Amino acid sequence: MFTVFRRMALILMLLMLATTVRPAAAQVAPSRSRPQHWGVTASFAPWHATDSFKRLYDATSLDMTGKNMRVGVTRGHTLGSEFSITYIRRDISEGATLVDLYGVKYVFQQGITLKGFMAEQYGAITTMGNRAQIGVVIAGGLARAEGVAQSSYGGAPLTPREAREVLTLFARQVDLQLLLRAEIAAAFKLAPGLKLRLGGGFDWPGTTAISVTLLYFIGESARP
């Protein structure tokens, strides 16, 4: 299992490097004239993990939903790439379930959250006019799980378990939860310094159908 994890980590590192590569020559010259600016970012993203990702927990059944909320600082430009550091709060919806390899069923209770930090790189692949972009988002981080999950075996109740004991990493208990994202994104310049980014893709341990991110770069001039 850890061989698989190392391969995933290598792929994500290669994708991160790829996002730092300059676009085609036709777009390199304009980007050099755009200075980088510090700014703020906030995003919201519902996510869902099904049996397709049960191996990440070595589970036999997985049905989890929730939402991510991220706020942080960023540096970049409305018509370029950006790098961000964000605080993340991931809520796991009440009633989400996980069945482990031993047949123990865990039902997540209200108030289960993961709180931590992520580093995020958005790399613009192509720019259309002076308003829209297509790009890739790669992000990684760590979070601490809080809350309690009810457990049962064959219908008989067992002692409740801490969420951090249930959310294992390839069946190994960890103190900090792994956070990984890889998304295809479309970005739009709404106004000087103001950027809207819509994305979707892999969001450990599941997927995000749509994430909405708003960025504001302080001091960016009205000139393109």
Protein backbone atom coordinates (compact mmCIF):
# COMPACT_ATOMS: atom_id res chain seq x y z
CA MET A 1 0.00 0.00 0.00
CA PHE A 2 2.77 2.44 0.85
CA THR A 3 4.31 1.79 -2.58
CA VAL A 4 1.07 3.08 -4.07
CA PHE A 5 1.21 6.10 -1.77
CA ARG A 6 4.79 6.91 -2.81
CA ARG A 7 3.79 6.70 -6.46
CA MET A 8 0.87 9.06 -5.87
CA ALA A 9 3.17 11.49 -4.08
CA LEU A 10 5.66 11.36 -6.98
CA ILE A 11 2.91 12.03 -9.53
CA LEU A 12 1.68 15.03 -7.53
CA MET A 13 5.23 16.41 -7.28
CA LEU A 14 5.67 16.10 -11.06
CA LEU A 15 2.34 17.86 -11.63
CA MET A 16 3.42 20.62 -9.24
CA LEU A 17 6.59 21.12 -11.26
CA ALA A 18 4.59 21.12 -14.47
CA THR A 19 2.41 23.98 -13.27
CA THR A 20 5.49 26.16 -12.79
CA VAL A 21 6.54 25.82 -16.43
CA ARG A 22 5.91 28.95 -18.51
CA PRO A 23 3.08 28.85 -21.08
CA ALA A 24 3.70 28.82 -24.80
CA ALA A 25 5.99 31.49 -26.25
CA ALA A 26 3.03 33.53 -27.50
CA GLN A 27 1.99 34.13 -23.92
CA VAL A 28 5.35 34.41 -22.16
CA ALA A 29 6.04 38.01 -23.14
CA PRO A 30 2.80 39.49 -21.75
CA SER A 31 3.14 37.59 -18.45
CA ARG A 32 6.62 39.09 -17.80
CA SER A 33 5.12 42.57 -17.67
CA ARG A 34 2.68 41.61 -14.92
CA PRO A 35 4.15 42.00 -11.42
CA GLN A 36 3.15 39.60 -8.66
CA HIS A 37 0.92 40.88 -5.85
CA TRP A 38 0.04 39.66 -2.37
CA GLY A 39 -3.61 39.03 -1.73
CA VAL A 40 -6.28 37.06 0.08
CA THR A 41 -8.22 34.00 -0.99
CA ALA A 42 -11.36 32.18 0.16
CA SER A 43 -13.06 29.09 -1.22
CA PHE A 44 -15.92 26.68 -0.67
CA ALA A 45 -16.10 23.13 -1.99
CA PRO A 46 -18.47 20.23 -1.24
CA TRP A 47 -16.84 16.80 -1.62
CA HIS A 48 -17.87 13.14 -1.74
CA ALA A 49 -15.99 9.87 -1.17
CA THR A 50 -17.49 6.54 -2.29
CA ASP A 51 -16.32 2.94 -2.64
CA SER A 52 -14.08 4.02 -5.52
CA PHE A 53 -11.68 5.39 -2.89
CA LYS A 54 -12.15 2.81 -0.11
CA ARG A 55 -8.63 1.43 -0.58
CA LEU A 56 -7.19 4.71 0.70
CA TYR A 57 -8.54 3.67 4.11
CA ASP A 58 -8.32 -0.11 3.53
CA ALA A 59 -12.08 -0.12 4.02
CA THR A 60 -14.68 -2.47 2.54
CA SER A 61 -17.29 0.27 2.22
CA LEU A 62 -17.07 4.05 2.15
CA ASP A 63 -19.80 6.69 1.85
CA MET A 64 -18.73 10.13 3.07
CA THR A 65 -19.82 13.63 2.16
CA GLY A 66 -18.94 17.04 3.51
CA LYS A 67 -17.68 20.49 2.67
CA ASN A 68 -14.35 22.31 2.63
CA MET A 69 -13.90 25.94 3.59
CA ARG A 70 -10.50 27.56 3.01
CA VAL A 71 -9.15 31.05 3.69
CA GLY A 72 -5.60 32.29 3.33
CA VAL A 73 -3.00 34.45 1.67
CA THR A 74 -1.92 34.30 -1.95
CA ARG A 75 0.62 35.80 -4.31
CA GLY A 76 0.08 36.12 -8.03
CA HIS A 77 -1.91 38.01 -10.65
CA THR A 78 -5.44 37.86 -12.04
CA LEU A 79 -4.09 36.84 -15.45
CA GLY A 80 -1.33 34.54 -14.23
CA SER A 81 -0.56 31.74 -11.81
CA GLU A 82 -0.61 32.01 -8.04
CA PHE A 83 0.63 30.28 -4.91
CA SER A 84 -1.43 30.23 -1.71
CA ILE A 85 -1.21 29.11 1.91
CA THR A 86 -4.67 28.42 3.33
CA TYR A 87 -6.28 27.38 6.58
CA ILE A 88 -8.80 24.62 5.88
CA ARG A 89 -11.81 23.38 7.80
CA ARG A 90 -13.27 20.17 6.39
CA ASP A 91 -16.62 19.06 7.79
CA ILE A 92 -17.75 15.45 7.47
CA SER A 93 -21.52 15.23 7.25
CA GLU A 94 -23.49 13.51 9.99
CA GLY A 95 -24.42 9.98 8.93
CA ALA A 96 -21.34 9.36 6.77
CA THR A 97 -20.21 5.74 7.04
CA LEU A 98 -17.06 3.64 6.80
CA VAL A 99 -16.78 -0.16 7.19
CA ASP A 100 -13.28 -1.44 7.97
CA LEU A 101 -11.61 -4.72 6.96
CA TYR A 102 -12.91 -6.45 10.09
CA GLY A 103 -16.54 -5.59 9.36
CA VAL A 104 -16.83 -2.86 11.98
CA LYS A 105 -19.16 -0.10 10.79
CA TYR A 106 -18.50 3.49 11.79
CA VAL A 107 -21.19 6.17 11.57
CA PHE A 108 -19.88 9.72 11.85
CA GLN A 109 -21.68 12.00 14.25
CA GLN A 110 -22.39 15.71 13.99
CA GLY A 111 -19.40 17.97 14.58
CA ILE A 112 -16.62 15.91 13.00
CA THR A 113 -14.09 18.28 11.43
CA LEU A 114 -10.56 18.30 10.06
CA LYS A 115 -8.63 21.52 10.70
CA GLY A 116 -5.25 22.26 9.21
CA PHE A 117 -3.23 24.03 6.54
CA MET A 118 -2.60 23.53 2.82
CA ALA A 119 -0.09 24.83 0.30
CA GLU A 120 -1.70 25.39 -3.10
CA GLN A 121 -0.29 26.09 -6.55
CA TYR A 122 -2.43 27.17 -9.49
CA GLY A 123 -0.71 27.04 -12.85
CA ALA A 124 -2.32 28.72 -15.85
CA ILE A 125 -2.05 26.59 -18.99
CA THR A 126 -3.68 28.97 -21.45
CA THR A 127 -5.21 32.45 -21.35
CA MET A 128 -8.14 33.47 -23.53
CA GLY A 129 -8.24 37.18 -24.21
CA ASN A 130 -7.85 39.29 -21.09
CA ARG A 131 -10.54 37.58 -19.05
CA ALA A 132 -10.35 33.78 -18.82
CA GLN A 133 -7.84 31.00 -18.17
CA ILE A 134 -7.65 27.23 -18.05
CA GLY A 135 -5.21 25.75 -15.55
CA VAL A 136 -4.35 23.11 -12.97
CA VAL A 137 -4.47 23.23 -9.15
CA ILE A 138 -2.15 21.06 -7.05
CA ALA A 139 -2.33 21.26 -3.25
CA GLY A 140 -1.21 19.34 -0.20
CA GLY A 141 -1.30 19.69 3.56
CA LEU A 142 -2.10 18.20 6.95
CA ALA A 143 -5.05 18.45 9.33
CA ARG A 144 -6.13 17.20 12.74
CA ALA A 145 -9.41 15.31 13.05
CA GLU A 146 -11.90 16.14 15.83
CA GLY A 147 -15.13 14.40 16.81
CA VAL A 148 -16.55 10.95 17.51
CA ALA A 149 -17.86 8.10 15.35
CA GLN A 150 -20.36 5.50 16.58
CA SER A 151 -19.30 1.91 15.89
CA SER A 152 -21.09 -1.41 15.60
CA TYR A 153 -20.42 -4.99 14.50
CA GLY A 154 -23.17 -7.17 13.10
CA GLY A 155 -25.72 -4.67 14.38
CA ALA A 156 -24.40 -4.78 17.95
CA PRO A 157 -23.14 -1.41 19.26
CA LEU A 158 -19.50 -1.02 20.22
CA THR A 159 -17.58 1.66 22.07
CA PRO A 160 -17.55 4.99 20.16
CA ARG A 161 -14.18 5.85 18.60
CA GLU A 162 -12.39 9.11 18.06
CA ALA A 163 -12.53 10.26 14.42
CA ARG A 164 -8.71 10.31 14.23
CA GLU A 165 -8.72 6.58 15.09
CA VAL A 166 -11.19 5.79 12.30
CA LEU A 167 -9.68 7.94 9.54
CA THR A 168 -6.55 5.87 9.06
CA LEU A 169 -3.91 6.09 6.33
CA PHE A 170 -3.86 2.75 4.52
CA ALA A 171 -5.12 1.08 7.76
CA ARG A 172 -2.45 2.82 9.90
CA GLN A 173 -3.53 5.25 12.59
CA VAL A 174 -1.96 8.70 12.20
CA ASP A 175 -2.01 11.84 14.33
CA LEU A 176 -2.45 14.16 11.34
CA GLN A 177 -4.68 13.54 8.33
CA LEU A 178 -3.28 13.80 4.81
CA LEU A 179 -4.80 16.44 2.50
CA LEU A 180 -4.22 16.23 -1.27
CA ARG A 181 -5.96 17.92 -4.20
CA ALA A 182 -5.52 17.82 -7.96
CA GLU A 183 -8.04 19.84 -10.00
CA ILE A 184 -8.69 21.17 -13.46
CA ALA A 185 -9.78 24.80 -13.11
CA ALA A 186 -11.19 27.70 -15.10
CA ALA A 187 -10.35 31.21 -13.85
CA PHE A 188 -12.01 34.51 -14.70
CA LYS A 189 -10.88 38.11 -14.15
CA LEU A 190 -13.88 39.91 -12.69
CA ALA A 191 -12.20 43.28 -12.07
CA PRO A 192 -8.68 44.64 -11.54
CA GLY A 193 -7.24 42.45 -8.79
CA LEU A 194 -10.36 40.28 -8.46
CA LYS A 195 -10.33 36.70 -9.75
CA LEU A 196 -12.89 33.88 -9.66
CA ARG A 197 -11.71 30.29 -10.05
CA LEU A 198 -13.96 27.25 -10.58
CA GLY A 199 -12.47 23.77 -10.37
CA GLY A 200 -13.09 20.12 -9.73
CA GLY A 201 -11.22 16.85 -9.39
CA PHE A 202 -9.49 14.63 -6.84
CA ASP A 203 -9.76 15.72 -3.20
CA TRP A 204 -8.37 13.09 -0.80
CA PRO A 205 -10.09 10.80 -0.04
CA GLY A 206 -12.71 11.55 -2.71
CA THR A 207 -13.69 14.06 -5.35
CA THR A 208 -15.00 17.60 -5.64
CA ALA A 209 -17.53 18.25 -8.38
CA ILE A 210 -17.16 22.03 -8.13
CA SER A 211 -15.00 24.26 -5.95
CA VAL A 212 -15.50 28.03 -5.91
CA THR A 213 -12.49 30.21 -5.09
CA LEU A 214 -12.35 34.00 -4.93
CA LEU A 215 -8.99 35.81 -4.91
CA TYR A 216 -8.18 39.47 -4.44
CA PHE A 217 -4.69 40.78 -5.24
CA ILE A 218 -3.96 43.93 -3.31
CA GLY A 219 -2.52 46.82 -5.29
CA GLU A 220 -3.03 45.38 -8.75
CA SER A 221 -3.54 48.27 -11.17
CA ALA A 222 -6.40 48.62 -13.62
CA ARG A 223 -4.03 48.14 -16.53
CA PRO A 224 -4.06 44.61 -18.12
